[in-house]
C-alpha atoms as a PDB file:
ATOM      1  CA  UNK A   1     -54.786  10.862   8.186  1.00  0.00           C
ATOM      2  CA  UNK A   2     -53.623   7.905   6.105  1.00  0.00           C
ATOM      3  CA  UNK A   3     -50.203   6.519   6.981  1.00  0.00           C
ATOM      4  CA  UNK A   4     -48.281   4.029   4.857  1.00  0.00           C
ATOM      5  CA  UNK A   5     -46.463   2.867   7.992  1.00  0.00           C
ATOM      6  CA  UNK A   6     -49.728   2.074   9.795  1.00  0.00           C
ATOM      7  CA  UNK A   7     -51.161   0.412   6.681  1.00  0.00           C
ATOM      8  CA  UNK A   8     -48.083  -1.798   6.331  1.00  0.00           C
ATOM      9  CA  UNK A   9     -48.151  -2.625  10.044  1.00  0.00           C
ATOM     10  CA  UNK A  10     -51.775  -3.775   9.826  1.00  0.00           C
ATOM     11  CA  UNK A  11     -50.997  -5.884   6.760  1.00  0.00           C
ATOM     12  CA  UNK A  12     -48.131  -7.619   8.556  1.00  0.00           C
ATOM     13  CA  UNK A  13     -50.237  -8.277  11.666  1.00  0.00           C
ATOM     14  CA  UNK A  14     -53.070  -9.689   9.561  1.00  0.00           C
ATOM     15  CA  UNK A  15     -50.639 -12.068   7.874  1.00  0.00           C
ATOM     16  CA  UNK A  16     -49.088 -13.146  11.184  1.00  0.00           C
ATOM     17  CA  UNK A  17     -52.323 -13.558  13.142  1.00  0.00           C
ATOM     18  CA  UNK A  18     -52.170 -16.314  15.767  1.00  0.00           C
ATOM     19  CA  UNK A  19     -54.807 -18.289  17.613  1.00  0.00           C
ATOM     20  CA  UNK A  20     -56.029 -16.519  20.781  1.00  0.00           C
ATOM     21  CA  UNK A  21     -55.465 -19.757  22.709  1.00  0.00           C
ATOM     22  CA  UNK A  22     -51.768 -19.748  21.770  1.00  0.00           C
ATOM     23  CA  UNK A  23     -51.309 -16.160  22.956  1.00  0.00           C
ATOM     24  CA  UNK A  24     -53.165 -16.995  26.180  1.00  0.00           C
ATOM     25  CA  UNK A  25     -50.769 -19.906  26.703  1.00  0.00           C
ATOM     26  CA  UNK A  26     -47.811 -17.534  26.280  1.00  0.00           C
ATOM     27  CA  UNK A  27     -49.275 -15.088  28.804  1.00  0.00           C
ATOM     28  CA  UNK A  28     -49.890 -17.840  31.345  1.00  0.00           C
ATOM     29  CA  UNK A  29     -46.331 -19.137  30.957  1.00  0.00           C
ATOM     30  CA  UNK A  30     -44.762 -15.763  31.868  1.00  0.00           C
ATOM     31  CA  UNK A  31     -45.623 -14.589  35.391  1.00  0.00           C
ATOM     32  CA  UNK A  32     -43.919 -11.206  34.812  1.00  0.00           C
ATOM     33  CA  UNK A  33     -46.824 -10.391  32.474  1.00  0.00           C
ATOM     34  CA  UNK A  34     -49.403 -10.961  35.220  1.00  0.00           C
ATOM     35  CA  UNK A  35     -51.444  -7.893  36.006  1.00  0.00           C
ATOM     36  CA  UNK A  36     -51.139  -6.238  32.604  1.00  0.00           C
ATOM     37  CA  UNK A  37     -54.408  -4.827  31.314  1.00  0.00           C
ATOM     38  CA  UNK A  38     -56.223  -6.270  28.307  1.00  0.00           C
ATOM     39  CA  UNK A  39     -55.129  -3.261  26.260  1.00  0.00           C
ATOM     40  CA  UNK A  40     -51.506  -3.792  27.309  1.00  0.00           C
ATOM     41  CA  UNK A  41     -51.534  -7.515  26.482  1.00  0.00           C
ATOM     42  CA  UNK A  42     -53.047  -6.792  23.058  1.00  0.00           C
ATOM     43  CA  UNK A  43     -50.352  -4.199  22.361  1.00  0.00           C
ATOM     44  CA  UNK A  44     -47.713  -6.636  23.610  1.00  0.00           C
ATOM     45  CA  UNK A  45     -49.041  -9.334  21.279  1.00  0.00           C
ATOM     46  CA  UNK A  46     -48.912  -7.034  18.260  1.00  0.00           C
ATOM     47  CA  UNK A  47     -45.433  -5.778  19.074  1.00  0.00           C
ATOM     48  CA  UNK A  48     -44.215  -9.324  19.693  1.00  0.00           C
ATOM     49  CA  UNK A  49     -45.441 -10.435  16.275  1.00  0.00           C
ATOM     50  CA  UNK A  50     -43.846  -7.409  14.618  1.00  0.00           C
ATOM     51  CA  UNK A  51     -40.614  -8.159  16.492  1.00  0.00           C
ATOM     52  CA  UNK A  52     -40.576 -11.706  15.128  1.00  0.00           C
ATOM     53  CA  UNK A  53     -41.226 -10.327  11.658  1.00  0.00           C
ATOM     54  CA  UNK A  54     -38.325  -7.860  11.934  1.00  0.00           C
ATOM     55  CA  UNK A  55     -35.727 -10.025  13.700  1.00  0.00           C
ATOM     56  CA  UNK A  56     -34.387 -13.395  12.648  1.00  0.00           C
ATOM     57  CA  UNK A  57     -34.256 -16.020  15.407  1.00  0.00           C
ATOM     58  CA  UNK A  58     -31.491 -18.459  14.490  1.00  0.00           C
ATOM     59  CA  UNK A  59     -31.617 -21.746  16.389  1.00  0.00           C
ATOM     60  CA  UNK A  60     -28.260 -23.528  16.366  1.00  0.00           C
ATOM     61  CA  UNK A  61     -28.084 -27.339  16.232  1.00  0.00           C
ATOM     62  CA  UNK A  62     -29.550 -28.779  19.393  1.00  0.00           C
ATOM     63  CA  UNK A  63     -32.166 -26.038  19.723  1.00  0.00           C
ATOM     64  CA  UNK A  64     -35.807 -26.581  18.781  1.00  0.00           C
ATOM     65  CA  UNK A  65     -38.030 -23.499  18.834  1.00  0.00           C
ATOM     66  CA  UNK A  66     -41.777 -23.834  18.457  1.00  0.00           C
ATOM     67  CA  UNK A  67     -43.916 -20.791  17.715  1.00  0.00           C
ATOM     68  CA  UNK A  68     -44.839 -20.598  21.391  1.00  0.00           C
ATOM     69  CA  UNK A  69     -41.133 -20.454  22.298  1.00  0.00           C
ATOM     70  CA  UNK A  70     -40.555 -17.633  19.820  1.00  0.00           C
ATOM     71  CA  UNK A  71     -43.541 -15.722  21.155  1.00  0.00           C
ATOM     72  CA  UNK A  72     -42.355 -16.138  24.753  1.00  0.00           C
ATOM     73  CA  UNK A  73     -38.973 -14.685  23.817  1.00  0.00           C
ATOM     74  CA  UNK A  74     -40.534 -11.861  21.815  1.00  0.00           C
ATOM     75  CA  UNK A  75     -42.968 -10.956  24.596  1.00  0.00           C
ATOM     76  CA  UNK A  76     -40.115 -10.598  27.086  1.00  0.00           C
ATOM     77  CA  UNK A  77     -38.140  -8.551  24.562  1.00  0.00           C
ATOM     78  CA  UNK A  78     -41.090  -6.210  24.056  1.00  0.00           C
ATOM     79  CA  UNK A  79     -42.154  -5.843  27.696  1.00  0.00           C
ATOM     80  CA  UNK A  80     -39.595  -3.081  28.396  1.00  0.00           C
ATOM     81  CA  UNK A  81     -40.847  -1.150  25.339  1.00  0.00           C
ATOM     82  CA  UNK A  82     -44.541  -1.556  26.109  1.00  0.00           C
ATOM     83  CA  UNK A  83     -45.119   2.072  27.081  1.00  0.00           C
ATOM     84  CA  UNK A  84     -42.484   3.652  24.856  1.00  0.00           C
ATOM     85  CA  UNK A  85     -43.321   5.152  21.470  1.00  0.00           C
ATOM     86  CA  UNK A  86     -42.819   2.720  18.600  1.00  0.00           C
ATOM     87  CA  UNK A  87     -39.514   4.191  17.422  1.00  0.00           C
ATOM     88  CA  UNK A  88     -37.479   1.102  16.524  1.00  0.00           C
ATOM     89  CA  UNK A  89     -35.674   0.953  19.862  1.00  0.00           C
ATOM     90  CA  UNK A  90     -34.025  -2.309  18.834  1.00  0.00           C
ATOM     91  CA  UNK A  91     -32.391  -0.908  15.745  1.00  0.00           C
ATOM     92  CA  UNK A  92     -28.818  -1.865  14.922  1.00  0.00           C
ATOM     93  CA  UNK A  93     -29.308  -5.622  14.959  1.00  0.00           C
ATOM     94  CA  UNK A  94     -31.301  -8.064  12.902  1.00  0.00           C
ATOM     95  CA  UNK A  95     -30.632 -11.446  14.473  1.00  0.00           C
ATOM     96  CA  UNK A  96     -30.924 -13.313  17.759  1.00  0.00           C
ATOM     97  CA  UNK A  97     -28.828 -16.480  17.876  1.00  0.00           C
ATOM     98  CA  UNK A  98     -29.930 -19.207  20.296  1.00  0.00           C
ATOM     99  CA  UNK A  99     -27.216 -21.541  21.586  1.00  0.00           C
ATOM    100  CA  UNK A 100     -28.147 -24.929  23.097  1.00  0.00           C
ATOM    101  CA  UNK A 101     -26.130 -24.164  26.239  1.00  0.00           C
ATOM    102  CA  UNK A 102     -23.803 -21.609  27.818  1.00  0.00           C
ATOM    103  CA  UNK A 103     -20.852 -20.775  25.591  1.00  0.00           C
ATOM    104  CA  UNK A 104     -17.259 -19.609  25.904  1.00  0.00           C
ATOM    105  CA  UNK A 105     -16.442 -16.135  24.692  1.00  0.00           C
ATOM    106  CA  UNK A 106     -12.972 -14.561  24.373  1.00  0.00           C
ATOM    107  CA  UNK A 107     -12.546 -11.519  26.629  1.00  0.00           C
ATOM    108  CA  UNK A 108      -9.985  -8.694  26.705  1.00  0.00           C
ATOM    109  CA  UNK A 109      -9.257  -6.130  29.406  1.00  0.00           C
ATOM    110  CA  UNK A 110      -6.524  -3.500  29.689  1.00  0.00           C
ATOM    111  CA  UNK A 111      -5.702  -2.785  33.335  1.00  0.00           C
ATOM    112  CA  UNK A 112      -4.617   0.511  34.895  1.00  0.00           C
ATOM    113  CA  UNK A 113      -0.972  -0.324  34.174  1.00  0.00           C
ATOM    114  CA  UNK A 114      -1.697  -0.733  30.474  1.00  0.00           C
ATOM    115  CA  UNK A 115      -1.337  -4.515  30.507  1.00  0.00           C
ATOM    116  CA  UNK A 116      -3.859  -6.305  28.295  1.00  0.00           C
ATOM    117  CA  UNK A 117      -5.351  -9.509  29.702  1.00  0.00           C
ATOM    118  CA  UNK A 118      -7.110 -12.130  27.572  1.00  0.00           C
ATOM    119  CA  UNK A 119      -9.190 -15.079  28.726  1.00  0.00           C
ATOM    120  CA  UNK A 120     -12.226 -17.192  27.856  1.00  0.00           C
ATOM    121  CA  UNK A 121     -15.369 -16.683  29.918  1.00  0.00           C
ATOM    122  CA  UNK A 122     -18.509 -18.797  30.020  1.00  0.00           C
ATOM    123  CA  UNK A 123     -21.557 -16.707  29.138  1.00  0.00           C
ATOM    124  CA  UNK A 124     -25.281 -17.283  28.825  1.00  0.00           C
ATOM    125  CA  UNK A 125     -25.769 -14.205  26.674  1.00  0.00           C
ATOM    126  CA  UNK A 126     -24.017 -11.441  24.753  1.00  0.00           C
ATOM    127  CA  UNK A 127     -25.048  -8.336  22.839  1.00  0.00           C
ATOM    128  CA  UNK A 128     -22.620  -7.016  20.243  1.00  0.00           C
ATOM    129  CA  UNK A 129     -22.483  -3.421  19.063  1.00  0.00           C
ATOM    130  CA  UNK A 130     -23.939  -3.423  15.527  1.00  0.00           C
ATOM    131  CA  UNK A 131     -24.132  -7.200  15.771  1.00  0.00           C
ATOM    132  CA  UNK A 132     -26.466  -9.963  16.910  1.00  0.00           C
ATOM    133  CA  UNK A 133     -27.805 -10.825  20.336  1.00  0.00           C
ATOM    134  CA  UNK A 134     -26.712 -14.255  21.536  1.00  0.00           C
ATOM    135  CA  UNK A 135     -28.759 -16.183  24.102  1.00  0.00           C
ATOM    136  CA  UNK A 136     -28.284 -19.619  25.654  1.00  0.00           C
ATOM    137  CA  UNK A 137     -31.459 -21.700  25.613  1.00  0.00           C
ATOM    138  CA  UNK A 138     -31.365 -22.673  29.328  1.00  0.00           C
ATOM    139  CA  UNK A 139     -31.249 -19.000  30.312  1.00  0.00           C
ATOM    140  CA  UNK A 140     -34.137 -18.171  28.001  1.00  0.00           C
ATOM    141  CA  UNK A 141     -36.204 -20.995  29.506  1.00  0.00           C
ATOM    142  CA  UNK A 142     -35.415 -19.860  33.061  1.00  0.00           C
ATOM    143  CA  UNK A 143     -36.566 -16.313  32.304  1.00  0.00           C
ATOM    144  CA  UNK A 144     -40.087 -15.005  32.767  1.00  0.00           C
ATOM    145  CA  UNK A 145     -40.663 -15.252  36.514  1.00  0.00           C
ATOM    146  CA  UNK A 146     -40.338 -12.834  39.431  1.00  0.00           C
ATOM    147  CA  UNK A 147     -37.032 -14.288  40.647  1.00  0.00           C
ATOM    148  CA  UNK A 148     -34.679 -11.448  39.638  1.00  0.00           C
ATOM    149  CA  UNK A 149     -33.426 -13.205  36.518  1.00  0.00           C
ATOM    150  CA  UNK A 150     -34.279 -12.487  32.897  1.00  0.00           C
ATOM    151  CA  UNK A 151     -31.647 -13.168  30.271  1.00  0.00           C
ATOM    152  CA  UNK A 152     -33.738 -11.716  27.432  1.00  0.00           C
ATOM    153  CA  UNK A 153     -34.351  -8.377  29.149  1.00  0.00           C
ATOM    154  CA  UNK A 154     -30.731  -8.206  30.333  1.00  0.00           C
ATOM    155  CA  UNK A 155     -29.193  -8.601  26.886  1.00  0.00           C
ATOM    156  CA  UNK A 156     -31.697  -6.344  25.150  1.00  0.00           C
ATOM    157  CA  UNK A 157     -31.073  -3.666  27.797  1.00  0.00           C
ATOM    158  CA  UNK A 158     -27.518  -3.651  26.425  1.00  0.00           C
ATOM    159  CA  UNK A 159     -28.979  -2.939  22.977  1.00  0.00           C
ATOM    160  CA  UNK A 160     -30.896   0.033  24.385  1.00  0.00           C
ATOM    161  CA  UNK A 161     -27.671   1.209  26.026  1.00  0.00           C
ATOM    162  CA  UNK A 162     -25.849   0.904  22.695  1.00  0.00           C
ATOM    163  CA  UNK A 163     -28.199   3.329  20.946  1.00  0.00           C
ATOM    164  CA  UNK A 164     -25.757   6.037  22.057  1.00  0.00           C
ATOM    165  CA  UNK A 165     -22.696   4.070  20.898  1.00  0.00           C
ATOM    166  CA  UNK A 166     -20.626   1.803  23.134  1.00  0.00           C
ATOM    167  CA  UNK A 167     -22.507   0.418  26.142  1.00  0.00           C
ATOM    168  CA  UNK A 168     -21.795   2.682  29.114  1.00  0.00           C
ATOM    169  CA  UNK A 169     -24.946   2.553  31.218  1.00  0.00           C
ATOM    170  CA  UNK A 170     -26.545   5.588  29.600  1.00  0.00           C
ATOM    171  CA  UNK A 171     -29.330   4.853  27.111  1.00  0.00           C
ATOM    172  CA  UNK A 172     -30.944   7.762  25.252  1.00  0.00           C
ATOM    173  CA  UNK A 173     -33.068   9.454  27.915  1.00  0.00           C
ATOM    174  CA  UNK A 174     -36.463  10.995  27.247  1.00  0.00           C
ATOM    175  CA  UNK A 175     -36.673  14.746  26.854  1.00  0.00           C
ATOM    176  CA  UNK A 176     -38.237  15.241  30.282  1.00  0.00           C
ATOM    177  CA  UNK A 177     -35.478  13.281  32.044  1.00  0.00           C
ATOM    178  CA  UNK A 178     -32.312  14.928  33.401  1.00  0.00           C
ATOM    179  CA  UNK A 179     -28.965  13.281  32.732  1.00  0.00           C
ATOM    180  CA  UNK A 180     -27.591  14.692  36.014  1.00  0.00           C
ATOM    181  CA  UNK A 181     -30.288  12.904  38.023  1.00  0.00           C
ATOM    182  CA  UNK A 182     -29.751   9.676  36.090  1.00  0.00           C
ATOM    183  CA  UNK A 183     -25.976   9.805  36.514  1.00  0.00           C
ATOM    184  CA  UNK A 184     -26.210  10.665  40.223  1.00  0.00           C
ATOM    185  CA  UNK A 185     -28.610   7.833  41.050  1.00  0.00           C
ATOM    186  CA  UNK A 186     -26.797   5.215  38.989  1.00  0.00           C
ATOM    187  CA  UNK A 187     -23.268   6.193  39.998  1.00  0.00           C
ATOM    188  CA  UNK A 188     -24.091   6.366  43.697  1.00  0.00           C
ATOM    189  CA  UNK A 189     -25.695   2.913  43.670  1.00  0.00           C
ATOM    190  CA  UNK A 190     -22.929   1.444  41.492  1.00  0.00           C
ATOM    191  CA  UNK A 191     -20.211   2.827  43.789  1.00  0.00           C
ATOM    192  CA  UNK A 192     -22.077   1.544  46.843  1.00  0.00           C
ATOM    193  CA  UNK A 193     -22.297  -1.968  45.415  1.00  0.00           C
ATOM    194  CA  UNK A 194     -18.600  -1.954  44.545  1.00  0.00           C
ATOM    195  CA  UNK A 195     -17.688  -0.720  48.018  1.00  0.00           C
ATOM    196  CA  UNK A 196     -19.551  -3.639  49.586  1.00  0.00           C
ATOM    197  CA  UNK A 197     -17.864  -6.163  47.305  1.00  0.00           C
ATOM    198  CA  UNK A 198     -14.428  -4.578  47.730  1.00  0.00           C
ATOM    199  CA  UNK A 199     -14.780  -5.026  51.483  1.00  0.00           C
ATOM    200  CA  UNK A 200     -16.064  -8.581  51.140  1.00  0.00           C
ATOM    201  CA  UNK A 201     -16.062 -10.237  47.688  1.00  0.00           C
ATOM    202  CA  UNK A 202     -18.401 -12.935  49.052  1.00  0.00           C
ATOM    203  CA  UNK A 203     -20.885 -10.490  50.537  1.00  0.00           C
ATOM    204  CA  UNK A 204     -24.566 -11.153  49.999  1.00  0.00           C
ATOM    205  CA  UNK A 205     -25.975  -8.318  47.908  1.00  0.00           C
ATOM    206  CA  UNK A 206     -29.608  -7.509  47.179  1.00  0.00           C
ATOM    207  CA  UNK A 207     -28.979  -7.612  43.436  1.00  0.00           C
ATOM    208  CA  UNK A 208     -26.671  -9.814  41.403  1.00  0.00           C
ATOM    209  CA  UNK A 209     -23.076  -8.719  42.105  1.00  0.00           C
ATOM    210  CA  UNK A 210     -22.411  -8.977  38.369  1.00  0.00           C
ATOM    211  CA  UNK A 211     -23.920  -5.487  38.274  1.00  0.00           C
ATOM    212  CA  UNK A 212     -20.647  -4.222  39.782  1.00  0.00           C
ATOM    213  CA  UNK A 213     -18.635  -5.272  36.694  1.00  0.00           C
ATOM    214  CA  UNK A 214     -19.093  -1.938  34.922  1.00  0.00           C
ATOM    215  CA  UNK A 215     -21.804   0.708  34.370  1.00  0.00           C
ATOM    216  CA  UNK A 216     -23.168  -1.128  31.329  1.00  0.00           C
ATOM    217  CA  UNK A 217     -23.747  -4.298  33.347  1.00  0.00           C
ATOM    218  CA  UNK A 218     -25.204  -2.235  36.178  1.00  0.00           C
ATOM    219  CA  UNK A 219     -27.837  -0.840  33.809  1.00  0.00           C
ATOM    220  CA  UNK A 220     -28.572  -4.286  32.333  1.00  0.00           C
ATOM    221  CA  UNK A 221     -28.858  -6.013  35.721  1.00  0.00           C
ATOM    222  CA  UNK A 222     -31.005  -3.281  37.272  1.00  0.00           C
ATOM    223  CA  UNK A 223     -33.245  -3.324  34.179  1.00  0.00           C
ATOM    224  CA  UNK A 224     -33.529  -7.092  34.637  1.00  0.00           C
ATOM    225  CA  UNK A 225     -34.535  -6.615  38.298  1.00  0.00           C
ATOM    226  CA  UNK A 226     -36.872  -3.734  37.422  1.00  0.00           C
ATOM    227  CA  UNK A 227     -39.089  -6.186  35.548  1.00  0.00           C
ATOM    228  CA  UNK A 228     -38.366  -9.488  37.310  1.00  0.00           C
ATOM    229  CA  UNK A 229     -37.876  -8.418  40.957  1.00  0.00           C
ATOM    230  CA  UNK A 230     -39.226  -4.866  41.137  1.00  0.00           C
ATOM    231  CA  UNK A 231     -40.021  -5.153  44.843  1.00  0.00           C
ATOM    232  CA  UNK A 232     -36.360  -5.886  45.595  1.00  0.00           C
ATOM    233  CA  UNK A 233     -35.016  -3.093  43.411  1.00  0.00           C
ATOM    234  CA  UNK A 234     -37.487  -0.475  44.634  1.00  0.00           C
ATOM    235  CA  UNK A 235     -36.732  -1.368  48.253  1.00  0.00           C
ATOM    236  CA  UNK A 236     -32.952  -1.593  48.003  1.00  0.00           C
ATOM    237  CA  UNK A 237     -32.173   1.012  45.335  1.00  0.00           C
ATOM    238  CA  UNK A 238     -35.188   3.357  45.243  1.00  0.00           C
ATOM    239  CA  UNK A 239     -33.419   6.126  43.322  1.00  0.00           C
ATOM    240  CA  UNK A 240     -32.343   3.681  40.623  1.00  0.00           C
ATOM    241  CA  UNK A 241     -35.856   2.255  40.479  1.00  0.00           C
ATOM    242  CA  UNK A 242     -37.259   5.764  40.091  1.00  0.00           C
ATOM    243  CA  UNK A 243     -34.954   6.548  37.152  1.00  0.00           C
ATOM    244  CA  UNK A 244     -35.839   3.272  35.421  1.00  0.00           C
ATOM    245  CA  UNK A 245     -39.535   3.933  36.042  1.00  0.00           C
ATOM    246  CA  UNK A 246     -39.171   7.218  34.177  1.00  0.00           C
ATOM    247  CA  UNK A 247     -37.123   5.625  31.401  1.00  0.00           C
ATOM    248  CA  UNK A 248     -39.362   2.601  30.780  1.00  0.00           C
ATOM    249  CA  UNK A 249     -42.523   4.533  31.730  1.00  0.00           C
ATOM    250  CA  UNK A 250     -43.782   1.582  33.739  1.00  0.00           C
ATOM    251  CA  UNK A 251     -44.158   0.737  37.430  1.00  0.00           C
ATOM    252  CA  UNK A 252     -43.803  -3.052  37.800  1.00  0.00           C
ATOM    253  CA  UNK A 253     -43.475  -2.761  41.594  1.00  0.00           C
ATOM    254  CA  UNK A 254     -46.961  -1.252  41.801  1.00  0.00           C
ATOM    255  CA  UNK A 255     -48.291  -3.971  39.469  1.00  0.00           C
ATOM    256  CA  UNK A 256     -46.717  -6.692  41.604  1.00  0.00           C
ATOM    257  CA  UNK A 257     -48.024  -5.089  44.811  1.00  0.00           C
ATOM    258  CA  UNK A 258     -51.535  -5.046  43.352  1.00  0.00           C
ATOM    259  CA  UNK A 259     -51.213  -8.737  42.492  1.00  0.00           C
ATOM    260  CA  UNK A 260     -50.012  -9.526  46.013  1.00  0.00           C
ATOM    261  CA  UNK A 261     -52.943  -7.623  47.497  1.00  0.00           C
ATOM    262  CA  UNK A 262     -55.648  -8.983  45.235  1.00  0.00           C
ATOM    263  CA  UNK A 263     -54.638 -12.297  43.708  1.00  0.00           C
ATOM    264  CA  UNK A 264     -54.713 -15.475  45.858  1.00  0.00           C
ATOM    265  CA  UNK A 265     -51.723 -16.979  44.057  1.00  0.00           C
ATOM    266  CA  UNK A 266     -49.588 -13.983  45.064  1.00  0.00           C
ATOM    267  CA  UNK A 267     -50.736 -13.758  48.671  1.00  0.00           C
ATOM    268  CA  UNK A 268     -48.022 -14.152  51.287  1.00  0.00           C
ATOM    269  CA  UNK A 269     -48.361 -17.449  53.198  1.00  0.00           C
ATOM    270  CA  UNK A 270     -50.006 -16.950  56.580  1.00  0.00           C
END
């Protein structure tokens, strides 16, 4: 059955076609894409090109973005959506602004006594409700490995969270998922992390303690770890990993384990 949407999509992809060698370079520069099938990498390429067509990447003075840089960013943005239906998950924003370095952002917080506190905080990224995504170039360049850090995925997880309104750690769940199971797994892990840090603010935690800031940051950080350190997340917070596996419909821990078992570069040193 003919579809105008599919016809338009094919027209856009034909116009934006890139050299296979450039896409191969992008794949090789992002270890978190290792182990994807040929079909998955082709889908990721198409969705990355469509992402760049739909979103404006604004490089501020001091930032130079080549096509390869834009594709690397787009591929990381699209990785979480790779097995989700193409339903415009990143609706509600049209622009990603790239700063040359970390930036100061005014913050407000009203405490339990009703007192409002204001301060400036240094950030490497921000996602605004019905506004742009802001990323600092150093954080973008440091993303893409298996080290438990991915600024792109972190900030775009906030955009998924915001599909229901204000970021609160609850993105729109699939029909087969149960909100009670999601809330139980996330709340229990979030409370456990806060209990550890309340007892010892300098405690070493398996995931970035920034996840304890609020439920929205907990979702963003655990999403970040789901793709960039899935072995850590699945080992330390298995119930959270399981909920994210159902939400993103991917199993990066299994993909990483397969790489470790079969690929010499991923083998543990003897």
